[in-house]
C-alpha atoms as a PDB file:
ATOM      1  CA  UNK A   1     -48.611  85.064 110.681  1.00  0.00           C
ATOM      2  CA  UNK A   2     -48.886  82.241 112.867  1.00  0.00           C
ATOM      3  CA  UNK A   3     -46.512  80.108 114.472  1.00  0.00           C
ATOM      4  CA  UNK A   4     -47.166  76.666 115.707  1.00  0.00           C
ATOM      5  CA  UNK A   5     -45.083  74.693 118.370  1.00  0.00           C
ATOM      6  CA  UNK A   6     -46.105  70.969 119.233  1.00  0.00           C
ATOM      7  CA  UNK A   7     -44.520  68.871 121.795  1.00  0.00           C
ATOM      8  CA  UNK A   8     -45.930  65.564 122.903  1.00  0.00           C
ATOM      9  CA  UNK A   9     -44.845  64.631 126.238  1.00  0.00           C
ATOM     10  CA  UNK A  10     -46.528  62.134 129.086  1.00  0.00           C
ATOM     11  CA  UNK A  11     -49.740  61.526 127.096  1.00  0.00           C
ATOM     12  CA  UNK A  12     -50.108  65.265 126.573  1.00  0.00           C
ATOM     13  CA  UNK A  13     -49.826  67.104 123.502  1.00  0.00           C
ATOM     14  CA  UNK A  14     -48.760  70.671 124.314  1.00  0.00           C
ATOM     15  CA  UNK A  15     -49.703  73.204 121.227  1.00  0.00           C
ATOM     16  CA  UNK A  16     -47.763  76.688 121.828  1.00  0.00           C
ATOM     17  CA  UNK A  17     -49.366  79.341 119.152  1.00  0.00           C
ATOM     18  CA  UNK A  18     -47.196  82.629 118.426  1.00  0.00           C
ATOM     19  CA  UNK A  19     -48.627  85.577 116.334  1.00  0.00           C
ATOM     20  CA  UNK A  20     -52.357  86.139 115.260  1.00  0.00           C
ATOM     21  CA  UNK A  21     -54.645  83.417 114.728  1.00  0.00           C
ATOM     22  CA  UNK A  22     -57.220  84.700 112.667  1.00  0.00           C
ATOM     23  CA  UNK A  23     -59.441  83.573 109.101  1.00  0.00           C
ATOM     24  CA  UNK A  24     -55.857  83.835 107.154  1.00  0.00           C
ATOM     25  CA  UNK A  25     -54.100  81.069 109.130  1.00  0.00           C
ATOM     26  CA  UNK A  26     -56.693  79.093 111.250  1.00  0.00           C
ATOM     27  CA  UNK A  27     -56.114  76.102 108.440  1.00  0.00           C
ATOM     28  CA  UNK A  28     -53.098  75.565 110.642  1.00  0.00           C
ATOM     29  CA  UNK A  29     -55.448  74.173 113.748  1.00  0.00           C
ATOM     30  CA  UNK A  30     -58.030  72.805 111.533  1.00  0.00           C
ATOM     31  CA  UNK A  31     -55.883  70.829 108.942  1.00  0.00           C
ATOM     32  CA  UNK A  32     -52.703  70.061 111.116  1.00  0.00           C
ATOM     33  CA  UNK A  33     -53.476  69.868 114.995  1.00  0.00           C
ATOM     34  CA  UNK A  34     -57.357  68.323 114.581  1.00  0.00           C
ATOM     35  CA  UNK A  35     -56.048  65.603 112.484  1.00  0.00           C
ATOM     36  CA  UNK A  36     -52.929  64.358 114.457  1.00  0.00           C
ATOM     37  CA  UNK A  37     -55.460  64.692 117.710  1.00  0.00           C
ATOM     38  CA  UNK A  38     -58.212  62.439 115.867  1.00  0.00           C
ATOM     39  CA  UNK A  39     -55.185  60.041 114.098  1.00  0.00           C
ATOM     40  CA  UNK A  40     -53.421  59.373 117.512  1.00  0.00           C
ATOM     41  CA  UNK A  41     -56.352  59.451 119.675  1.00  0.00           C
ATOM     42  CA  UNK A  42     -54.966  62.131 121.704  1.00  0.00           C
ATOM     43  CA  UNK A  43     -56.711  62.762 124.939  1.00  0.00           C
ATOM     44  CA  UNK A  44     -55.249  65.611 126.638  1.00  0.00           C
ATOM     45  CA  UNK A  45     -54.184  69.202 125.081  1.00  0.00           C
ATOM     46  CA  UNK A  46     -52.785  72.150 126.285  1.00  0.00           C
ATOM     47  CA  UNK A  47     -52.858  75.460 124.118  1.00  0.00           C
ATOM     48  CA  UNK A  48     -50.139  77.637 125.593  1.00  0.00           C
ATOM     49  CA  UNK A  49     -51.327  81.555 124.628  1.00  0.00           C
ATOM     50  CA  UNK A  50     -48.310  83.157 125.961  1.00  0.00           C
ATOM     51  CA  UNK A  51     -47.199  84.639 122.619  1.00  0.00           C
ATOM     52  CA  UNK A  52     -50.714  84.981 120.865  1.00  0.00           C
ATOM     53  CA  UNK A  53     -51.241  88.414 120.286  1.00  0.00           C
ATOM     54  CA  UNK A  54     -54.712  88.394 118.835  1.00  0.00           C
ATOM     55  CA  UNK A  55     -57.634  85.803 117.858  1.00  0.00           C
ATOM     56  CA  UNK A  56     -60.795  86.265 115.502  1.00  0.00           C
ATOM     57  CA  UNK A  57     -64.185  84.251 115.230  1.00  0.00           C
ATOM     58  CA  UNK A  58     -62.467  81.923 112.571  1.00  0.00           C
ATOM     59  CA  UNK A  59     -59.553  81.428 115.307  1.00  0.00           C
ATOM     60  CA  UNK A  60     -62.148  80.798 118.100  1.00  0.00           C
ATOM     61  CA  UNK A  61     -64.072  78.219 115.938  1.00  0.00           C
ATOM     62  CA  UNK A  62     -60.643  76.192 115.326  1.00  0.00           C
ATOM     63  CA  UNK A  63     -60.072  76.016 118.807  1.00  0.00           C
ATOM     64  CA  UNK A  64     -63.491  74.965 119.284  1.00  0.00           C
ATOM     65  CA  UNK A  65     -62.924  72.400 116.309  1.00  0.00           C
ATOM     66  CA  UNK A  66     -60.095  70.922 118.295  1.00  0.00           C
ATOM     67  CA  UNK A  67     -62.037  70.710 121.744  1.00  0.00           C
ATOM     68  CA  UNK A  68     -64.615  68.629 119.832  1.00  0.00           C
ATOM     69  CA  UNK A  69     -61.824  66.450 118.683  1.00  0.00           C
ATOM     70  CA  UNK A  70     -60.440  66.133 121.938  1.00  0.00           C
ATOM     71  CA  UNK A  71     -64.083  65.225 123.284  1.00  0.00           C
ATOM     72  CA  UNK A  72     -64.480  62.809 120.591  1.00  0.00           C
ATOM     73  CA  UNK A  73     -61.112  60.909 122.316  1.00  0.00           C
ATOM     74  CA  UNK A  74     -63.069  61.057 125.858  1.00  0.00           C
ATOM     75  CA  UNK A  75     -60.239  63.830 126.607  1.00  0.00           C
ATOM     76  CA  UNK A  76     -59.579  67.041 128.039  1.00  0.00           C
ATOM     77  CA  UNK A  77     -58.419  70.566 126.933  1.00  0.00           C
ATOM     78  CA  UNK A  78     -56.974  73.301 128.632  1.00  0.00           C
ATOM     79  CA  UNK A  79     -55.767  76.646 127.674  1.00  0.00           C
ATOM     80  CA  UNK A  80     -52.799  78.416 129.610  1.00  0.00           C
ATOM     81  CA  UNK A  81     -50.782  81.925 129.957  1.00  0.00           C
ATOM     82  CA  UNK A  82     -53.729  83.651 128.152  1.00  0.00           C
ATOM     83  CA  UNK A  83     -53.736  87.546 128.203  1.00  0.00           C
ATOM     84  CA  UNK A  84     -56.422  89.603 129.705  1.00  0.00           C
ATOM     85  CA  UNK A  85     -57.454  90.770 126.055  1.00  0.00           C
ATOM     86  CA  UNK A  86     -57.121  87.062 124.515  1.00  0.00           C
ATOM     87  CA  UNK A  87     -59.405  86.051 127.860  1.00  0.00           C
ATOM     88  CA  UNK A  88     -62.229  87.810 126.981  1.00  0.00           C
ATOM     89  CA  UNK A  89     -62.458  86.619 123.720  1.00  0.00           C
ATOM     90  CA  UNK A  90     -62.486  83.253 124.292  1.00  0.00           C
ATOM     91  CA  UNK A  91     -64.587  83.498 127.351  1.00  0.00           C
ATOM     92  CA  UNK A  92     -67.495  81.744 125.134  1.00  0.00           C
ATOM     93  CA  UNK A  93     -65.591  78.470 124.813  1.00  0.00           C
ATOM     94  CA  UNK A  94     -65.816  77.575 128.059  1.00  0.00           C
ATOM     95  CA  UNK A  95     -62.606  75.835 128.297  1.00  0.00           C
ATOM     96  CA  UNK A  96     -60.320  75.469 131.492  1.00  0.00           C
ATOM     97  CA  UNK A  97     -58.032  78.242 131.826  1.00  0.00           C
ATOM     98  CA  UNK A  98     -54.861  77.560 134.158  1.00  0.00           C
ATOM     99  CA  UNK A  99     -51.700  79.965 134.552  1.00  0.00           C
ATOM    100  CA  UNK A 100     -49.205  78.026 132.951  1.00  0.00           C
ATOM    101  CA  UNK A 101     -48.473  74.442 131.246  1.00  0.00           C
ATOM    102  CA  UNK A 102     -47.590  72.707 134.821  1.00  0.00           C
ATOM    103  CA  UNK A 103     -51.130  73.764 136.144  1.00  0.00           C
ATOM    104  CA  UNK A 104     -52.845  72.923 133.187  1.00  0.00           C
ATOM    105  CA  UNK A 105     -51.274  69.737 133.266  1.00  0.00           C
ATOM    106  CA  UNK A 106     -52.597  69.102 136.789  1.00  0.00           C
ATOM    107  CA  UNK A 107     -56.077  70.397 135.698  1.00  0.00           C
ATOM    108  CA  UNK A 108     -56.519  67.955 132.917  1.00  0.00           C
ATOM    109  CA  UNK A 109     -55.132  65.100 134.999  1.00  0.00           C
ATOM    110  CA  UNK A 110     -58.224  65.619 137.559  1.00  0.00           C
END
């Protein structure tokens, strides 16, 4: 099960994920977050992975889809509060990683 909490503040969409991002629930990213990004032309997105327990290949692909949507809007994406286990899995995504949301905010504004 995956819980998705979204908050839009100062031109940044914060997406906080809680649970497991796998094949069964990656539709939540692909069908809800990506369309929101494209429809509202959101340029900056921060994924907070503090409460993410695990991620599989489908979950990685859904994060990549979100990255592509942000790139379409000529924006930037950043991950924050990533555990060591998850960090190893997301390495191939080539996304910026910050220690917390404030640091992520500063990273994507550069």
